[in-house]
Amino acid sequence: MKTYNILIAGVGGQGTVLASRLIAAAALKRGFNVRTTETIGMAQRGGSVTGHTRIGDEVFSPLIPAGGADLMISFEPAEAVRNLHYLAGDGTLIVCDDAITPVTIALTGGTYEAETMTEYLRKNVTKAIILNGKPLKEQCGKTLNVALIGAAAQSGVFPFDIKALEETIAEMPKQKELNIASFETGRKVYSEHVG
C-alpha cells in the first residue's frame, strides 16, 4: 500500500494529539504499519498543534513532507491556512469553520475574521469540506476532534473501515459514551453537508 498521510491541525486544548492517536490505533487494528508524531509548540498558551500520522506498508519517518498530506483535518480555519503547505494538490481538507481567536489578536485588540480564512480555503483547495462549527461545538463541546474524525470517516477518505474507528473509540478509558456520540454526530453532519 502506498503511504497514506494524515495531518491534524488545531490549537492547544482541542485534542489534536488524541485525534492522531485514535486514527493511528484504528489503522493498527487493521494491520497497517503506522508512524505518528506531534508538534506541540506553545500548546498550553493556545498555540498551534499538529499531529502527523502516516499509514502504509513501509513508513520510515513520522513527519509528513510538504505537499504530502492526503488528508488534513483542521479544528480551526487559521490552522488549516497555516498548514496548507502540507496538503497534496489532490488532498482532502475537512475543517471546522468556527474560529478560536489567537491570543496575540485578543491581547492587541485586533480582529480575526474566520470568513476570510474559509474563503481562502475554498479558493485554494480543490477538495475542501468546510463544516459549520457552531452546532458541532454545541453538540460535542470538547469532543469536536472526534466529531471531525467522524465526518472524515463518513466521507470515506481513510484507508480502513469505519468499524475500526468505532472499535477504537469504544475502548477509550474516558468519556467513551460522549466520544461515541460525537463520532456519530460528525458522520451525520458530513452526510447532511454533502446531501
Protein backbone atom coordinates (compact mmCIF):
# COMPACT_ATOMS: atom_id res chain seq x y z
CA MET A 1 0.00 0.00 0.00
CA LYS A 2 1.20 3.49 -0.86
CA THR A 3 1.75 5.58 2.26
CA TYR A 4 -1.38 7.49 3.29
CA ASN A 5 -0.62 10.70 5.19
CA ILE A 6 -2.99 12.47 7.58
CA LEU A 7 -2.28 15.84 9.19
CA ILE A 8 -4.36 17.01 12.14
CA ALA A 9 -4.18 20.76 12.86
CA GLY A 10 -5.53 22.66 15.82
CA VAL A 11 -4.62 24.73 18.85
CA GLY A 12 -3.77 23.69 22.37
CA GLY A 13 -6.71 22.10 24.19
CA GLN A 14 -8.61 20.91 21.11
CA GLY A 15 -7.46 17.30 21.29
CA THR A 16 -5.14 17.25 18.30
CA VAL A 17 -2.84 14.66 19.86
CA LEU A 18 -5.74 12.41 20.85
CA ALA A 19 -7.18 12.62 17.32
CA SER A 20 -3.87 11.49 15.80
CA ARG A 21 -3.62 8.62 18.25
CA LEU A 22 -7.20 7.49 17.59
CA ILE A 23 -6.57 7.34 13.86
CA ALA A 24 -3.25 5.53 14.36
CA ALA A 25 -4.84 2.99 16.72
CA ALA A 26 -7.65 2.30 14.22
CA ALA A 27 -5.10 1.75 11.44
CA LEU A 28 -3.11 -0.63 13.67
CA LYS A 29 -6.32 -2.60 14.32
CA ARG A 30 -6.47 -3.30 10.59
CA GLY A 31 -2.86 -4.43 10.42
CA PHE A 32 -1.29 -1.32 8.88
CA ASN A 33 2.19 -0.10 9.66
CA VAL A 34 1.81 3.33 11.31
CA ARG A 35 4.11 6.16 12.37
CA THR A 36 2.84 9.21 14.23
CA THR A 37 4.26 12.28 15.91
CA GLU A 38 3.07 15.61 17.20
CA THR A 39 4.46 19.12 17.20
CA ILE A 40 3.02 20.93 20.18
CA GLY A 41 4.94 24.19 20.39
CA MET A 42 3.13 26.63 22.65
CA ALA A 43 0.09 24.41 23.07
CA GLN A 44 -0.50 25.42 26.67
CA ARG A 45 -0.84 29.03 25.55
CA GLY A 46 -3.38 28.32 22.82
CA GLY A 47 -0.65 27.87 20.23
CA SER A 48 -0.55 25.66 17.17
CA VAL A 49 -0.54 21.89 17.49
CA THR A 50 -0.16 19.45 14.61
CA GLY A 51 -0.32 15.67 14.53
CA HIS A 52 1.29 13.68 11.73
CA THR A 53 0.01 10.15 11.05
CA ARG A 54 1.49 8.04 8.26
CA ILE A 55 -0.07 4.71 7.30
CA GLY A 56 1.37 2.20 4.84
CA ASP A 57 3.44 -0.89 4.19
CA GLU A 58 6.76 0.90 4.58
CA VAL A 59 6.80 4.08 6.64
CA PHE A 60 10.19 5.15 7.95
CA SER A 61 9.62 8.73 9.13
CA PRO A 62 6.68 10.04 11.15
CA LEU A 63 6.83 13.53 9.61
CA ILE A 64 4.74 14.29 6.54
CA PRO A 65 6.70 16.17 3.88
CA ALA A 66 5.36 19.41 2.38
CA GLY A 67 2.74 18.60 -0.22
CA GLY A 68 2.43 15.04 1.07
CA ALA A 69 -0.78 15.01 3.15
CA ASP A 70 -3.62 13.05 1.56
CA LEU A 71 -5.96 14.33 4.27
CA MET A 72 -5.89 17.30 6.61
CA ILE A 73 -8.42 17.63 9.42
CA SER A 74 -8.33 21.08 10.95
CA PHE A 75 -10.25 22.07 14.06
CA GLU A 76 -9.88 25.77 13.25
CA PRO A 77 -9.68 27.72 9.92
CA ALA A 78 -6.47 29.67 10.59
CA GLU A 79 -4.67 26.44 11.43
CA ALA A 80 -5.86 24.99 8.11
CA VAL A 81 -4.40 28.01 6.29
CA ARG A 82 -1.19 27.88 8.34
CA ASN A 83 -0.64 24.20 7.48
CA LEU A 84 -1.94 24.22 3.92
CA HIS A 85 1.56 23.67 2.53
CA TYR A 86 1.37 20.10 3.83
CA LEU A 87 -1.73 19.23 1.78
CA ALA A 88 -1.21 17.42 -1.53
CA GLY A 89 -2.74 19.05 -4.61
CA ASP A 90 -5.41 16.33 -4.74
CA GLY A 91 -5.66 16.05 -0.94
CA THR A 92 -8.86 16.41 1.07
CA LEU A 93 -9.35 19.12 3.69
CA ILE A 94 -12.01 18.80 6.38
CA VAL A 95 -12.20 21.94 8.51
CA CYS A 96 -14.44 23.37 11.21
CA ASP A 97 -15.29 26.98 10.32
CA ASP A 98 -15.71 28.15 13.93
CA ALA A 99 -12.65 30.20 14.82
CA ILE A 100 -10.66 30.44 18.01
CA THR A 101 -9.21 33.92 18.25
CA PRO A 102 -5.43 33.71 18.69
CA VAL A 103 -4.12 35.08 21.98
CA THR A 104 -1.97 37.65 20.17
CA ILE A 105 -5.03 39.09 18.41
CA ALA A 106 -7.13 39.09 21.58
CA LEU A 107 -4.41 40.88 23.58
CA THR A 108 -3.82 43.57 20.96
CA GLY A 109 -7.49 44.24 20.28
CA GLY A 110 -7.15 43.16 16.66
CA THR A 111 -9.77 41.34 14.67
CA TYR A 112 -9.75 37.82 13.37
CA GLU A 113 -12.27 37.04 10.68
CA ALA A 114 -12.78 33.34 10.10
CA GLU A 115 -14.74 34.08 6.93
CA THR A 116 -11.56 35.41 5.31
CA MET A 117 -9.78 32.16 6.13
CA THR A 118 -12.59 29.91 4.93
CA GLU A 119 -12.94 31.89 1.69
CA TYR A 120 -9.21 31.47 1.08
CA LEU A 121 -9.53 27.72 1.65
CA ARG A 122 -12.50 27.46 -0.73
CA LYS A 123 -10.49 29.19 -3.46
CA ASN A 124 -7.25 27.28 -2.94
CA VAL A 125 -8.28 23.72 -2.06
CA THR A 126 -10.00 21.56 -4.66
CA LYS A 127 -11.42 19.12 -2.09
CA ALA A 128 -12.35 21.42 0.79
CA ILE A 129 -15.13 20.30 3.12
CA ILE A 130 -15.92 23.23 5.40
CA LEU A 131 -18.30 22.26 8.17
CA ASN A 132 -20.42 24.61 10.25
CA GLY A 133 -18.68 24.54 13.61
CA LYS A 134 -21.17 26.29 15.87
CA PRO A 135 -23.75 23.47 16.02
CA LEU A 136 -20.94 20.90 16.14
CA LYS A 137 -19.39 22.63 19.15
CA GLU A 138 -22.78 23.00 20.83
CA GLN A 139 -23.44 19.27 20.49
CA CYS A 140 -19.92 17.94 21.02
CA GLY A 141 -18.08 20.54 23.10
CA LYS A 142 -14.61 19.30 23.94
CA THR A 143 -15.04 16.27 21.70
CA LEU A 144 -15.15 18.28 18.46
CA ASN A 145 -11.97 16.42 17.49
CA VAL A 146 -13.81 13.09 17.48
CA ALA A 147 -16.75 14.62 15.60
CA LEU A 148 -14.44 15.76 12.80
CA ILE A 149 -12.90 12.28 12.66
CA GLY A 150 -16.47 11.01 12.29
CA ALA A 151 -17.03 13.42 9.39
CA ALA A 152 -13.81 12.24 7.74
CA ALA A 153 -14.79 8.59 8.25
CA GLN A 154 -18.20 9.19 6.67
CA SER A 155 -16.51 10.78 3.64
CA GLY A 156 -14.63 7.51 3.05
CA VAL A 157 -11.14 9.05 3.00
CA PHE A 158 -9.48 6.71 5.50
CA PRO A 159 -7.66 3.61 4.17
CA PHE A 160 -9.57 1.47 6.70
CA ASP A 161 -13.22 0.93 7.58
CA ILE A 162 -15.42 2.99 9.90
CA LYS A 163 -15.78 -0.02 12.21
CA ALA A 164 -12.07 0.22 13.10
CA LEU A 165 -12.65 3.73 14.45
CA GLU A 166 -15.84 2.69 16.26
CA GLU A 167 -13.98 -0.17 17.95
CA THR A 168 -11.09 2.10 18.92
CA ILE A 169 -13.39 4.75 20.41
CA ALA A 170 -15.31 2.07 22.33
CA GLU A 171 -12.04 1.05 24.01
CA MET A 172 -11.27 4.58 25.26
CA PRO A 173 -10.91 4.70 29.05
CA LYS A 174 -12.51 8.15 29.46
CA GLN A 175 -15.70 9.73 28.12
CA LYS A 176 -16.42 6.71 25.93
CA GLU A 177 -20.16 7.41 25.52
CA LEU A 178 -19.59 11.09 24.75
CA ASN A 179 -16.94 10.25 22.16
CA ILE A 180 -19.14 7.64 20.50
CA ALA A 181 -21.98 10.19 20.32
CA SER A 182 -19.65 12.85 18.89
CA PHE A 183 -18.30 10.43 16.27
CA GLU A 184 -21.86 9.70 15.13
CA THR A 185 -22.72 13.42 15.14
CA GLY A 186 -19.75 14.09 12.86
CA ARG A 187 -20.88 11.36 10.47
CA LYS A 188 -24.39 12.82 10.40
CA VAL A 189 -23.18 16.40 9.87
CA TYR A 190 -20.98 15.28 6.97
CA SER A 191 -23.90 13.42 5.35
CA GLU A 192 -26.12 16.50 5.71
CA HIS A 193 -23.34 18.71 4.32
CA VAL A 194 -22.92 16.70 1.13
CA GLY A 195 -26.57 15.66 0.87
